[in-house]
N, C-alpha and C. Protein backbone atom coordinates (compact mmCIF):
# COMPACT_ATOMS: atom_id res chain seq x y z
N MET A 1 18.28 161.96 196.53
CA MET A 1 19.28 162.66 195.74
C MET A 1 19.79 163.86 196.53
N ARG A 2 21.12 164.02 196.55
CA ARG A 2 21.73 165.09 197.34
C ARG A 2 22.32 166.14 196.40
N ILE A 3 21.98 167.39 196.65
CA ILE A 3 22.41 168.50 195.81
C ILE A 3 23.15 169.53 196.64
N LEU A 4 24.23 170.08 196.08
CA LEU A 4 24.96 171.18 196.72
C LEU A 4 24.74 172.45 195.92
N ILE A 5 24.34 173.52 196.60
CA ILE A 5 24.21 174.84 195.99
C ILE A 5 25.41 175.68 196.42
N ILE A 6 26.19 176.18 195.46
CA ILE A 6 27.29 177.09 195.77
C ILE A 6 26.90 178.45 195.19
N GLU A 7 26.38 179.31 196.03
CA GLU A 7 25.78 180.58 195.61
C GLU A 7 25.95 181.61 196.72
N ASP A 8 26.51 182.78 196.39
CA ASP A 8 26.77 183.79 197.42
C ASP A 8 25.62 184.77 197.61
N GLU A 9 24.69 184.84 196.65
CA GLU A 9 23.53 185.73 196.82
C GLU A 9 22.54 185.03 197.74
N GLN A 10 22.33 185.59 198.91
CA GLN A 10 21.54 184.92 199.94
C GLN A 10 20.11 184.63 199.48
N LYS A 11 19.46 185.61 198.85
CA LYS A 11 18.07 185.42 198.42
C LYS A 11 17.96 184.29 197.39
N THR A 12 18.89 184.28 196.44
CA THR A 12 18.88 183.23 195.42
C THR A 12 19.13 181.87 196.05
N ALA A 13 20.10 181.80 196.97
CA ALA A 13 20.42 180.54 197.64
C ALA A 13 19.23 180.03 198.44
N GLU A 14 18.56 180.93 199.16
CA GLU A 14 17.39 180.53 199.95
C GLU A 14 16.25 180.06 199.06
N TYR A 15 16.05 180.76 197.95
CA TYR A 15 15.01 180.41 196.99
C TYR A 15 15.25 179.02 196.42
N LEU A 16 16.51 178.75 196.03
CA LEU A 16 16.86 177.44 195.48
C LEU A 16 16.75 176.36 196.54
N HIS A 17 17.22 176.67 197.74
CA HIS A 17 17.19 175.69 198.83
C HIS A 17 15.76 175.27 199.14
N GLN A 18 14.89 176.26 199.26
CA GLN A 18 13.49 175.96 199.58
C GLN A 18 12.83 175.16 198.47
N GLY A 19 13.01 175.61 197.23
CA GLY A 19 12.36 174.94 196.10
C GLY A 19 12.82 173.51 195.91
N LEU A 20 14.13 173.29 196.05
CA LEU A 20 14.66 171.94 195.86
C LEU A 20 14.30 171.02 197.02
N THR A 21 14.29 171.58 198.23
CA THR A 21 13.89 170.78 199.39
C THR A 21 12.43 170.35 199.26
N GLU A 22 11.59 171.29 198.85
CA GLU A 22 10.16 170.96 198.66
C GLU A 22 9.96 169.96 197.53
N SER A 23 10.93 169.89 196.62
CA SER A 23 10.84 168.94 195.51
C SER A 23 11.39 167.57 195.88
N GLY A 24 11.83 167.43 197.14
CA GLY A 24 12.25 166.12 197.63
C GLY A 24 13.74 165.86 197.65
N TYR A 25 14.56 166.87 197.36
CA TYR A 25 16.01 166.68 197.36
C TYR A 25 16.61 167.03 198.72
N ILE A 26 17.72 166.40 199.05
CA ILE A 26 18.52 166.78 200.22
C ILE A 26 19.49 167.85 199.74
N VAL A 27 19.46 169.02 200.38
CA VAL A 27 20.19 170.17 199.86
C VAL A 27 21.15 170.75 200.89
N ASP A 28 22.40 170.98 200.46
CA ASP A 28 23.40 171.70 201.25
C ASP A 28 23.71 173.01 200.54
N ARG A 29 24.20 173.99 201.32
CA ARG A 29 24.51 175.30 200.76
C ARG A 29 25.90 175.75 201.17
N ALA A 30 26.57 176.43 200.22
CA ALA A 30 27.85 177.06 200.51
C ALA A 30 27.82 178.44 199.86
N ALA A 31 28.42 179.44 200.54
CA ALA A 31 28.36 180.82 200.06
C ALA A 31 29.66 181.28 199.39
N THR A 32 30.71 180.48 199.45
CA THR A 32 31.97 180.84 198.81
C THR A 32 32.51 179.65 198.04
N GLY A 33 33.42 179.93 197.11
CA GLY A 33 34.01 178.85 196.34
C GLY A 33 34.80 177.88 197.21
N MET A 34 35.55 178.42 198.17
CA MET A 34 36.34 177.57 199.05
C MET A 34 35.46 176.66 199.89
N ASP A 35 34.37 177.22 200.45
CA ASP A 35 33.45 176.41 201.24
C ASP A 35 32.80 175.33 200.38
N GLY A 36 32.46 175.70 199.14
CA GLY A 36 31.86 174.73 198.24
C GLY A 36 32.77 173.55 197.96
N LEU A 37 34.05 173.84 197.71
CA LEU A 37 35.01 172.77 197.49
C LEU A 37 35.15 171.88 198.71
N HIS A 38 35.12 172.49 199.89
CA HIS A 38 35.20 171.71 201.13
C HIS A 38 34.03 170.74 201.23
N PHE A 39 32.82 171.22 200.89
CA PHE A 39 31.63 170.35 200.93
C PHE A 39 31.80 169.18 199.95
N VAL A 40 32.27 169.49 198.73
CA VAL A 40 32.43 168.45 197.72
C VAL A 40 33.42 167.39 198.17
N GLU A 41 34.49 167.83 198.85
CA GLU A 41 35.51 166.89 199.31
C GLU A 41 35.01 166.02 200.47
N GLN A 42 34.05 166.56 201.25
CA GLN A 42 33.59 165.85 202.44
C GLN A 42 32.37 164.97 202.19
N HIS A 43 31.61 165.27 201.15
CA HIS A 43 30.35 164.56 200.91
C HIS A 43 30.24 164.10 199.46
N SER A 44 29.33 163.18 199.22
CA SER A 44 29.06 162.70 197.87
C SER A 44 27.76 163.33 197.36
N TYR A 45 27.85 164.07 196.26
CA TYR A 45 26.67 164.75 195.72
C TYR A 45 26.29 164.19 194.36
N ASP A 46 24.98 164.16 194.10
CA ASP A 46 24.49 163.77 192.79
C ASP A 46 24.57 164.93 191.80
N LEU A 47 24.55 166.16 192.36
CA LEU A 47 24.55 167.35 191.50
C LEU A 47 25.07 168.54 192.29
N VAL A 48 25.82 169.41 191.59
CA VAL A 48 26.25 170.69 192.17
C VAL A 48 25.69 171.81 191.30
N ILE A 49 25.01 172.76 191.93
CA ILE A 49 24.54 173.97 191.24
C ILE A 49 25.53 175.07 191.60
N LEU A 50 26.26 175.56 190.62
CA LEU A 50 27.44 176.39 190.86
C LEU A 50 27.30 177.76 190.21
N ASP A 51 27.37 178.80 191.03
CA ASP A 51 27.36 180.17 190.51
C ASP A 51 28.76 180.53 190.02
N VAL A 52 28.85 181.44 189.06
CA VAL A 52 30.15 181.85 188.55
C VAL A 52 30.78 182.93 189.43
N ASN A 53 30.01 183.96 189.77
CA ASN A 53 30.55 185.08 190.54
C ASN A 53 30.53 184.77 192.03
N LEU A 54 31.63 184.20 192.52
CA LEU A 54 31.73 183.81 193.91
C LEU A 54 32.93 184.49 194.57
N PRO A 55 32.85 184.78 195.88
CA PRO A 55 34.01 185.31 196.59
C PRO A 55 35.06 184.23 196.82
N GLU A 56 36.30 184.68 196.99
CA GLU A 56 37.46 183.82 197.27
C GLU A 56 37.93 183.04 196.05
N MET A 57 37.03 182.40 195.36
CA MET A 57 37.37 181.58 194.19
C MET A 57 36.14 181.55 193.29
N ASP A 58 36.29 181.97 192.01
CA ASP A 58 35.09 182.04 191.17
C ASP A 58 34.65 180.64 190.73
N GLY A 59 33.46 180.59 190.13
CA GLY A 59 32.88 179.30 189.77
C GLY A 59 33.71 178.50 188.78
N PHE A 60 34.39 179.18 187.86
CA PHE A 60 35.24 178.48 186.90
C PHE A 60 36.38 177.76 187.62
N GLU A 61 36.99 178.43 188.59
CA GLU A 61 38.07 177.80 189.35
C GLU A 61 37.54 176.62 190.17
N VAL A 62 36.38 176.80 190.78
CA VAL A 62 35.78 175.73 191.57
C VAL A 62 35.51 174.52 190.68
N LEU A 63 34.95 174.77 189.50
CA LEU A 63 34.64 173.68 188.57
C LEU A 63 35.91 172.94 188.15
N ALA A 64 36.97 173.69 187.87
CA ALA A 64 38.22 173.05 187.46
C ALA A 64 38.75 172.14 188.57
N HIS A 65 38.65 172.57 189.82
CA HIS A 65 39.09 171.75 190.94
C HIS A 65 38.20 170.51 191.11
N ILE A 66 36.88 170.69 190.95
CA ILE A 66 35.96 169.56 191.07
C ILE A 66 36.28 168.50 190.02
N ARG A 67 36.54 168.94 188.80
CA ARG A 67 36.76 168.01 187.70
C ARG A 67 38.09 167.25 187.79
N LYS A 68 38.99 167.69 188.65
CA LYS A 68 40.25 166.94 188.82
C LYS A 68 40.00 165.59 189.49
N ASN A 69 38.98 165.54 190.35
CA ASN A 69 38.77 164.33 191.13
C ASN A 69 37.34 163.79 191.12
N GLU A 70 36.39 164.59 190.65
CA GLU A 70 34.99 164.20 190.77
C GLU A 70 34.30 164.16 189.41
N SER A 71 33.32 163.26 189.29
CA SER A 71 32.50 163.20 188.07
C SER A 71 31.09 163.69 188.33
N THR A 72 30.88 164.36 189.47
CA THR A 72 29.57 164.87 189.85
C THR A 72 29.01 165.79 188.77
N ARG A 73 27.73 165.66 188.49
CA ARG A 73 27.07 166.56 187.54
C ARG A 73 27.09 167.99 188.06
N VAL A 74 27.35 168.96 187.16
CA VAL A 74 27.43 170.37 187.55
C VAL A 74 26.61 171.22 186.60
N ILE A 75 25.72 172.03 187.18
CA ILE A 75 24.99 173.04 186.42
C ILE A 75 25.54 174.40 186.81
N MET A 76 26.05 175.15 185.82
CA MET A 76 26.51 176.51 186.08
C MET A 76 25.29 177.43 186.11
N LEU A 77 25.21 178.24 187.16
CA LEU A 77 24.07 179.14 187.34
C LEU A 77 24.64 180.54 187.50
N THR A 78 24.35 181.41 186.54
CA THR A 78 25.03 182.70 186.54
C THR A 78 24.28 183.77 185.79
N ALA A 79 24.62 185.01 186.11
CA ALA A 79 24.04 186.16 185.41
C ALA A 79 24.77 186.44 184.11
N ARG A 80 25.90 185.78 183.91
CA ARG A 80 26.66 185.98 182.68
C ARG A 80 26.01 185.21 181.55
N GLY A 81 25.59 185.93 180.52
CA GLY A 81 24.91 185.26 179.42
C GLY A 81 25.71 185.22 178.14
N ARG A 82 26.96 185.70 178.19
CA ARG A 82 27.76 185.73 176.98
C ARG A 82 28.15 184.32 176.54
N LEU A 83 28.16 184.11 175.22
CA LEU A 83 28.50 182.80 174.68
C LEU A 83 29.89 182.35 175.12
N ALA A 84 30.84 183.29 175.20
CA ALA A 84 32.21 182.95 175.60
C ALA A 84 32.23 182.35 177.00
N ASP A 85 31.39 182.89 177.91
CA ASP A 85 31.34 182.37 179.27
C ASP A 85 30.72 180.98 179.28
N LYS A 86 29.70 180.78 178.47
CA LYS A 86 29.07 179.45 178.39
C LYS A 86 30.07 178.41 177.90
N ILE A 87 30.79 178.75 176.83
CA ILE A 87 31.75 177.81 176.27
C ILE A 87 32.85 177.52 177.27
N LYS A 88 33.31 178.54 178.00
CA LYS A 88 34.37 178.33 179.00
C LYS A 88 33.90 177.35 180.06
N GLY A 89 32.68 177.57 180.58
CA GLY A 89 32.15 176.68 181.61
C GLY A 89 31.98 175.26 181.11
N LEU A 90 31.47 175.12 179.90
CA LEU A 90 31.25 173.79 179.34
C LEU A 90 32.57 173.09 179.02
N ASP A 91 33.55 173.84 178.53
CA ASP A 91 34.86 173.25 178.26
C ASP A 91 35.54 172.78 179.53
N LEU A 92 35.26 173.45 180.64
CA LEU A 92 35.86 173.05 181.92
C LEU A 92 35.16 171.83 182.52
N GLY A 93 34.02 171.46 181.92
CA GLY A 93 33.37 170.24 182.39
C GLY A 93 31.97 170.40 182.93
N ALA A 94 31.37 171.60 182.81
CA ALA A 94 29.99 171.76 183.26
C ALA A 94 29.06 170.92 182.38
N ASP A 95 28.02 170.37 182.97
CA ASP A 95 27.06 169.55 182.22
C ASP A 95 25.93 170.38 181.63
N ASP A 96 25.68 171.53 182.21
CA ASP A 96 24.63 172.40 181.71
C ASP A 96 24.91 173.82 182.19
N TYR A 97 24.21 174.80 181.60
CA TYR A 97 24.49 176.20 181.88
C TYR A 97 23.16 176.96 181.85
N LEU A 98 22.77 177.51 182.98
CA LEU A 98 21.49 178.21 183.08
C LEU A 98 21.74 179.66 183.47
N VAL A 99 21.19 180.60 182.69
CA VAL A 99 21.43 182.02 182.90
C VAL A 99 20.30 182.65 183.71
N LYS A 100 20.67 183.44 184.73
CA LYS A 100 19.69 184.17 185.52
C LYS A 100 19.17 185.37 184.70
N PRO A 101 17.91 185.78 184.89
CA PRO A 101 16.90 185.10 185.69
C PRO A 101 16.34 183.88 184.95
N PHE A 102 15.86 182.91 185.71
CA PHE A 102 15.35 181.69 185.12
C PHE A 102 14.06 181.29 185.84
N GLU A 103 13.31 180.43 185.20
CA GLU A 103 12.09 179.90 185.81
C GLU A 103 12.46 178.62 186.56
N PHE A 104 12.01 178.50 187.80
CA PHE A 104 12.39 177.35 188.61
C PHE A 104 11.99 176.02 187.97
N PRO A 105 10.82 175.90 187.33
CA PRO A 105 10.47 174.64 186.67
C PRO A 105 11.49 174.22 185.61
N GLU A 106 12.11 175.20 184.94
CA GLU A 106 13.13 174.86 183.95
C GLU A 106 14.36 174.25 184.63
N LEU A 107 14.76 174.83 185.77
CA LEU A 107 15.88 174.26 186.53
C LEU A 107 15.56 172.83 186.96
N LEU A 108 14.36 172.62 187.47
CA LEU A 108 13.96 171.28 187.90
C LEU A 108 14.01 170.28 186.75
N ALA A 109 13.55 170.72 185.58
CA ALA A 109 13.55 169.83 184.41
C ALA A 109 14.98 169.46 184.02
N ARG A 110 15.88 170.42 184.07
CA ARG A 110 17.28 170.14 183.72
C ARG A 110 17.92 169.22 184.75
N ILE A 111 17.59 169.42 186.02
CA ILE A 111 18.11 168.55 187.07
C ILE A 111 17.64 167.12 186.86
N ARG A 112 16.36 166.95 186.59
CA ARG A 112 15.82 165.61 186.38
C ARG A 112 16.50 164.93 185.19
N THR A 113 16.72 165.70 184.12
CA THR A 113 17.36 165.14 182.93
C THR A 113 18.78 164.68 183.23
N LEU A 114 19.56 165.50 183.92
CA LEU A 114 20.94 165.15 184.24
C LEU A 114 21.02 163.95 185.17
N LEU A 115 20.18 163.94 186.20
CA LEU A 115 20.21 162.83 187.14
C LEU A 115 19.73 161.54 186.50
N ARG A 116 18.76 161.65 185.61
CA ARG A 116 18.28 160.45 184.92
C ARG A 116 19.37 159.87 184.03
N ARG A 117 20.14 160.72 183.36
CA ARG A 117 21.24 160.23 182.53
C ARG A 117 22.30 159.56 183.39
N SER A 118 22.55 160.11 184.57
CA SER A 118 23.54 159.53 185.48
C SER A 118 23.12 158.12 185.89
N GLU A 119 21.83 157.95 186.18
CA GLU A 119 21.33 156.65 186.62
C GLU A 119 21.43 155.60 185.53
N GLN A 120 21.36 156.04 184.27
CA GLN A 120 21.35 155.09 183.16
C GLN A 120 22.75 154.67 182.72
N ILE A 121 23.77 155.34 183.25
CA ILE A 121 25.13 155.03 182.82
C ILE A 121 25.60 153.72 183.46
N ALA A 122 25.93 152.75 182.65
CA ALA A 122 26.44 151.47 183.15
C ALA A 122 27.96 151.52 183.19
N VAL A 123 28.56 150.55 183.88
CA VAL A 123 30.02 150.49 183.92
C VAL A 123 30.52 150.21 182.51
N PRO A 124 31.26 151.14 181.92
CA PRO A 124 31.64 151.01 180.51
C PRO A 124 32.86 150.11 180.31
N GLU A 125 32.96 149.56 179.12
CA GLU A 125 34.09 148.72 178.78
C GLU A 125 35.18 149.58 178.15
N VAL A 126 36.39 149.05 178.12
CA VAL A 126 37.50 149.75 177.49
C VAL A 126 37.30 149.74 175.98
N LEU A 127 37.43 150.91 175.35
CA LEU A 127 37.24 151.03 173.90
C LEU A 127 38.60 151.10 173.21
N ARG A 128 38.71 150.47 172.04
CA ARG A 128 39.96 150.48 171.29
C ARG A 128 39.68 150.71 169.81
N VAL A 129 40.44 151.61 169.23
CA VAL A 129 40.43 151.83 167.79
C VAL A 129 41.89 151.94 167.37
N SER A 130 42.35 150.95 166.59
CA SER A 130 43.77 150.88 166.24
C SER A 130 44.58 150.86 167.54
N GLU A 131 45.58 151.73 167.66
CA GLU A 131 46.40 151.74 168.87
C GLU A 131 45.90 152.74 169.92
N LEU A 132 44.71 153.32 169.69
CA LEU A 132 44.10 154.25 170.64
C LEU A 132 43.19 153.50 171.60
N GLU A 133 43.34 153.76 172.88
CA GLU A 133 42.57 153.05 173.90
C GLU A 133 41.94 154.04 174.86
N LEU A 134 40.67 153.81 175.21
CA LEU A 134 39.95 154.68 176.12
C LEU A 134 39.33 153.84 177.23
N ASP A 135 39.62 154.21 178.47
CA ASP A 135 39.09 153.50 179.64
C ASP A 135 38.14 154.44 180.37
N PRO A 136 36.83 154.39 180.06
CA PRO A 136 35.87 155.31 180.68
C PRO A 136 35.77 155.17 182.19
N ALA A 137 35.91 153.96 182.71
CA ALA A 137 35.77 153.75 184.14
C ALA A 137 36.85 154.47 184.92
N ARG A 138 38.06 154.48 184.37
CA ARG A 138 39.18 155.15 185.05
C ARG A 138 39.46 156.54 184.47
N HIS A 139 38.66 156.93 183.48
CA HIS A 139 38.79 158.25 182.83
C HIS A 139 40.21 158.46 182.31
N ARG A 140 40.71 157.47 181.54
CA ARG A 140 42.06 157.54 181.01
C ARG A 140 42.06 157.20 179.53
N ALA A 141 43.02 157.83 178.81
CA ALA A 141 43.18 157.57 177.39
C ALA A 141 44.65 157.31 177.10
N TYR A 142 44.91 156.38 176.16
CA TYR A 142 46.28 156.03 175.81
C TYR A 142 46.37 155.88 174.29
N ARG A 143 47.54 156.23 173.75
CA ARG A 143 47.82 155.89 172.36
C ARG A 143 49.26 155.41 172.29
N ASN A 144 49.45 154.24 171.69
CA ASN A 144 50.76 153.59 171.69
C ASN A 144 51.31 153.48 173.11
N ASN A 145 50.39 153.19 174.05
CA ASN A 145 50.72 153.04 175.47
C ASN A 145 51.20 154.33 176.12
N GLN A 146 51.01 155.46 175.45
CA GLN A 146 51.33 156.76 176.04
C GLN A 146 50.06 157.37 176.63
N ARG A 147 50.13 157.79 177.88
CA ARG A 147 48.98 158.40 178.54
C ARG A 147 48.70 159.77 177.91
N ILE A 148 47.45 160.04 177.62
CA ILE A 148 47.04 161.32 177.03
C ILE A 148 46.14 162.05 178.02
N ASP A 149 46.52 163.24 178.40
CA ASP A 149 45.73 164.04 179.34
C ASP A 149 44.64 164.80 178.59
N LEU A 150 43.39 164.60 178.99
CA LEU A 150 42.25 165.23 178.33
C LEU A 150 41.40 165.98 179.35
N THR A 151 40.79 167.09 178.92
CA THR A 151 39.81 167.75 179.75
C THR A 151 38.54 166.91 179.78
N SER A 152 37.61 167.26 180.64
CA SER A 152 36.37 166.51 180.75
C SER A 152 35.61 166.47 179.42
N LYS A 153 35.52 167.60 178.74
CA LYS A 153 34.78 167.65 177.48
C LYS A 153 35.55 166.95 176.36
N GLU A 154 36.87 167.07 176.36
CA GLU A 154 37.65 166.34 175.36
C GLU A 154 37.47 164.84 175.52
N PHE A 155 37.44 164.39 176.78
CA PHE A 155 37.24 162.97 177.05
C PHE A 155 35.85 162.54 176.57
N ALA A 156 34.83 163.35 176.88
CA ALA A 156 33.46 163.01 176.47
C ALA A 156 33.35 162.97 174.95
N LEU A 157 34.01 163.90 174.28
CA LEU A 157 33.98 163.92 172.81
C LEU A 157 34.68 162.69 172.24
N LEU A 158 35.84 162.36 172.77
CA LEU A 158 36.56 161.17 172.30
C LEU A 158 35.76 159.90 172.58
N HIS A 159 35.14 159.86 173.74
CA HIS A 159 34.31 158.69 174.09
C HIS A 159 33.19 158.50 173.06
N LEU A 160 32.54 159.59 172.69
CA LEU A 160 31.47 159.52 171.70
C LEU A 160 32.00 159.04 170.35
N LEU A 161 33.10 159.62 169.90
CA LEU A 161 33.65 159.26 168.60
C LEU A 161 34.10 157.80 168.57
N MET A 162 34.69 157.32 169.66
CA MET A 162 35.15 155.93 169.70
C MET A 162 34.00 154.95 169.86
N ARG A 163 33.02 155.35 170.65
CA ARG A 163 31.85 154.47 170.85
C ARG A 163 31.11 154.25 169.54
N ARG A 164 31.16 155.25 168.68
CA ARG A 164 30.46 155.16 167.39
C ARG A 164 31.47 155.22 166.24
N SER A 165 32.59 154.55 166.46
CA SER A 165 33.66 154.52 165.46
C SER A 165 33.15 154.03 164.11
N GLY A 166 33.57 154.72 163.05
CA GLY A 166 33.13 154.38 161.71
C GLY A 166 31.85 155.06 161.29
N GLU A 167 31.17 155.70 162.24
CA GLU A 167 29.90 156.40 161.96
C GLU A 167 30.17 157.90 161.87
N VAL A 168 29.69 158.53 160.83
CA VAL A 168 29.87 159.97 160.68
C VAL A 168 28.86 160.69 161.57
N LEU A 169 29.37 161.54 162.44
CA LEU A 169 28.53 162.30 163.36
C LEU A 169 28.50 163.75 162.93
N THR A 170 27.29 164.30 162.84
CA THR A 170 27.16 165.70 162.45
C THR A 170 27.49 166.61 163.62
N ARG A 171 27.74 167.86 163.30
CA ARG A 171 28.03 168.86 164.32
C ARG A 171 26.89 168.96 165.32
N THR A 172 25.66 168.92 164.84
CA THR A 172 24.48 169.01 165.71
C THR A 172 24.40 167.83 166.65
N GLN A 173 24.67 166.64 166.14
CA GLN A 173 24.67 165.44 167.00
C GLN A 173 25.71 165.54 168.10
N ILE A 174 26.90 166.01 167.73
CA ILE A 174 27.98 166.13 168.71
C ILE A 174 27.62 167.12 169.80
N ILE A 175 27.09 168.28 169.43
CA ILE A 175 26.69 169.28 170.42
C ILE A 175 25.65 168.71 171.37
N SER A 176 24.67 168.02 170.82
CA SER A 176 23.59 167.48 171.64
C SER A 176 24.08 166.39 172.59
N LEU A 177 24.96 165.51 172.09
CA LEU A 177 25.38 164.35 172.87
C LEU A 177 26.52 164.65 173.85
N VAL A 178 27.36 165.62 173.53
CA VAL A 178 28.51 165.92 174.40
C VAL A 178 28.20 167.06 175.36
N TRP A 179 27.51 168.08 174.86
CA TRP A 179 27.24 169.25 175.70
C TRP A 179 25.84 169.24 176.32
N ASP A 180 25.00 168.27 175.97
CA ASP A 180 23.66 168.12 176.56
C ASP A 180 22.77 169.34 176.37
N MET A 181 23.03 170.13 175.35
CA MET A 181 22.18 171.30 175.15
C MET A 181 22.34 171.79 173.71
N ASN A 182 21.53 172.77 173.32
CA ASN A 182 21.58 173.31 171.97
C ASN A 182 22.32 174.64 171.96
N PHE A 183 23.18 174.82 170.95
CA PHE A 183 23.91 176.06 170.80
C PHE A 183 23.37 176.82 169.60
N ASP A 184 23.69 178.11 169.55
CA ASP A 184 23.38 178.89 168.37
C ASP A 184 24.11 178.27 167.18
N CYS A 185 23.51 178.34 166.02
CA CYS A 185 24.04 177.65 164.86
C CYS A 185 25.40 178.20 164.42
N ASP A 186 25.74 179.42 164.83
CA ASP A 186 26.98 180.02 164.34
C ASP A 186 28.17 179.79 165.28
N THR A 187 27.97 179.08 166.37
CA THR A 187 29.09 178.85 167.29
C THR A 187 30.03 177.80 166.72
N ASN A 188 31.32 177.94 167.00
CA ASN A 188 32.31 176.99 166.47
C ASN A 188 32.85 176.09 167.57
N VAL A 189 32.05 175.85 168.61
CA VAL A 189 32.52 175.05 169.75
C VAL A 189 32.96 173.66 169.34
N VAL A 190 32.27 173.02 168.41
CA VAL A 190 32.64 171.67 167.97
C VAL A 190 33.97 171.70 167.23
N GLU A 191 34.12 172.66 166.32
CA GLU A 191 35.36 172.76 165.56
C GLU A 191 36.56 172.97 166.48
N VAL A 192 36.38 173.84 167.48
CA VAL A 192 37.46 174.11 168.44
C VAL A 192 37.80 172.85 169.23
N ALA A 193 36.77 172.14 169.69
CA ALA A 193 36.98 170.92 170.48
C ALA A 193 37.67 169.83 169.64
N ILE A 194 37.25 169.67 168.40
CA ILE A 194 37.88 168.69 167.52
C ILE A 194 39.34 169.04 167.29
N ARG A 195 39.62 170.33 167.07
CA ARG A 195 41.00 170.76 166.83
C ARG A 195 41.89 170.46 168.04
N ARG A 196 41.37 170.73 169.24
CA ARG A 196 42.14 170.46 170.46
C ARG A 196 42.36 168.96 170.65
N LEU A 197 41.32 168.18 170.34
CA LEU A 197 41.44 166.72 170.50
C LEU A 197 42.46 166.16 169.50
N ARG A 198 42.42 166.65 168.28
CA ARG A 198 43.38 166.19 167.27
C ARG A 198 44.82 166.49 167.69
N SER A 199 45.03 167.64 168.30
CA SER A 199 46.39 168.03 168.69
C SER A 199 46.97 167.06 169.71
N LYS A 200 46.09 166.35 170.42
CA LYS A 200 46.56 165.43 171.46
C LYS A 200 46.63 163.98 171.00
N ILE A 201 45.65 163.55 170.22
CA ILE A 201 45.61 162.12 169.88
C ILE A 201 46.04 161.81 168.45
N ASP A 202 46.15 162.83 167.60
CA ASP A 202 46.51 162.59 166.20
C ASP A 202 47.84 163.21 165.78
N GLU A 203 48.04 164.48 166.09
CA GLU A 203 49.22 165.19 165.58
C GLU A 203 50.55 164.55 165.98
N PRO A 204 50.68 164.00 167.20
CA PRO A 204 51.98 163.38 167.55
C PRO A 204 52.21 162.03 166.88
N PHE A 205 51.24 161.53 166.11
CA PHE A 205 51.34 160.19 165.54
C PHE A 205 51.16 160.23 164.01
N ASP A 206 51.71 159.24 163.33
CA ASP A 206 51.64 159.20 161.87
C ASP A 206 50.24 158.84 161.38
N ASN A 207 49.61 157.87 162.01
CA ASN A 207 48.31 157.38 161.56
C ASN A 207 47.19 158.24 162.17
N LYS A 208 46.51 159.01 161.34
CA LYS A 208 45.45 159.89 161.82
C LYS A 208 44.13 159.12 161.95
N LEU A 209 43.41 159.38 163.03
CA LEU A 209 42.18 158.64 163.30
C LEU A 209 40.92 159.50 163.16
N ILE A 210 41.01 160.79 163.43
CA ILE A 210 39.84 161.67 163.33
C ILE A 210 39.82 162.29 161.93
N HIS A 211 38.73 162.06 161.21
CA HIS A 211 38.62 162.53 159.83
C HIS A 211 37.41 163.45 159.68
N THR A 212 37.57 164.45 158.82
CA THR A 212 36.50 165.41 158.54
C THR A 212 35.85 165.09 157.20
N LEU A 213 34.54 165.00 157.18
CA LEU A 213 33.80 164.93 155.93
C LEU A 213 33.19 166.30 155.73
N ARG A 214 33.82 167.10 154.90
CA ARG A 214 33.45 168.50 154.75
C ARG A 214 31.96 168.66 154.42
N GLY A 215 31.31 169.49 155.23
CA GLY A 215 29.89 169.73 155.02
C GLY A 215 28.99 168.68 155.64
N VAL A 216 29.60 167.62 156.22
CA VAL A 216 28.80 166.54 156.80
C VAL A 216 29.07 166.41 158.30
N GLY A 217 30.33 166.11 158.66
CA GLY A 217 30.63 165.93 160.07
C GLY A 217 31.99 165.29 160.28
N TYR A 218 32.11 164.50 161.34
CA TYR A 218 33.39 163.91 161.72
C TYR A 218 33.22 162.42 161.99
N VAL A 219 34.31 161.69 161.74
CA VAL A 219 34.30 160.25 162.00
C VAL A 219 35.67 159.85 162.55
N LEU A 220 35.67 158.94 163.53
CA LEU A 220 36.92 158.39 164.04
C LEU A 220 37.01 156.95 163.58
N GLU A 221 38.06 156.64 162.81
CA GLU A 221 38.25 155.29 162.33
C GLU A 221 39.69 155.13 161.83
N ALA A 222 40.17 153.90 161.83
CA ALA A 222 41.50 153.61 161.32
C ALA A 222 41.41 153.43 159.80
N ARG A 223 42.29 154.15 159.10
CA ARG A 223 42.32 154.05 157.63
C ARG A 223 43.72 153.68 157.19
N GLU A 224 43.79 153.00 156.06
CA GLU A 224 45.10 152.63 155.51
C GLU A 224 45.79 153.84 154.93
């Protein structure tokens, strides 16, 4: 397994490099956002560990560029612990978010979990609900043959809803399955994500597919 560390703090980068190498991973390092993007473009990585506070280009910008062309797993590693920063990183497509200082065994556990999920993903089939179509292999969505542009998290959320069409999913289930982690109970990340998704796949069309069961959760299905 090959991992890229994009971290400008030398001591942290060396600590991560040594620990991951000793754990059996092949590890590359970049100290700036631009260098990190260059590595991603030149090599194939199973995972990128990405700091937020980087010179030249911050971690959020790097992540946005990675997600335009790559599906590589990304763990955001940062001293920023504010919920707003976590949500921003996750909305941009991060798979996990670890706040410094952290215990190295926790990082290893998260890495193993993400890589194990990647290994279990099979080539998916095209999903259809009414006139809505989702092609996971090509990361594309269409409704009435119109291409719909989605962020990484919007796509993951739609994929979940379509894969389990007709099944009511609770807010907790959605957070766990789409964001791969637990949030504080008072965060509205799911509501915000659902609202953004509806604006793209439902509002321009007469037949609404995403439905709210107040106090229960959300379901995607075609209704008369």
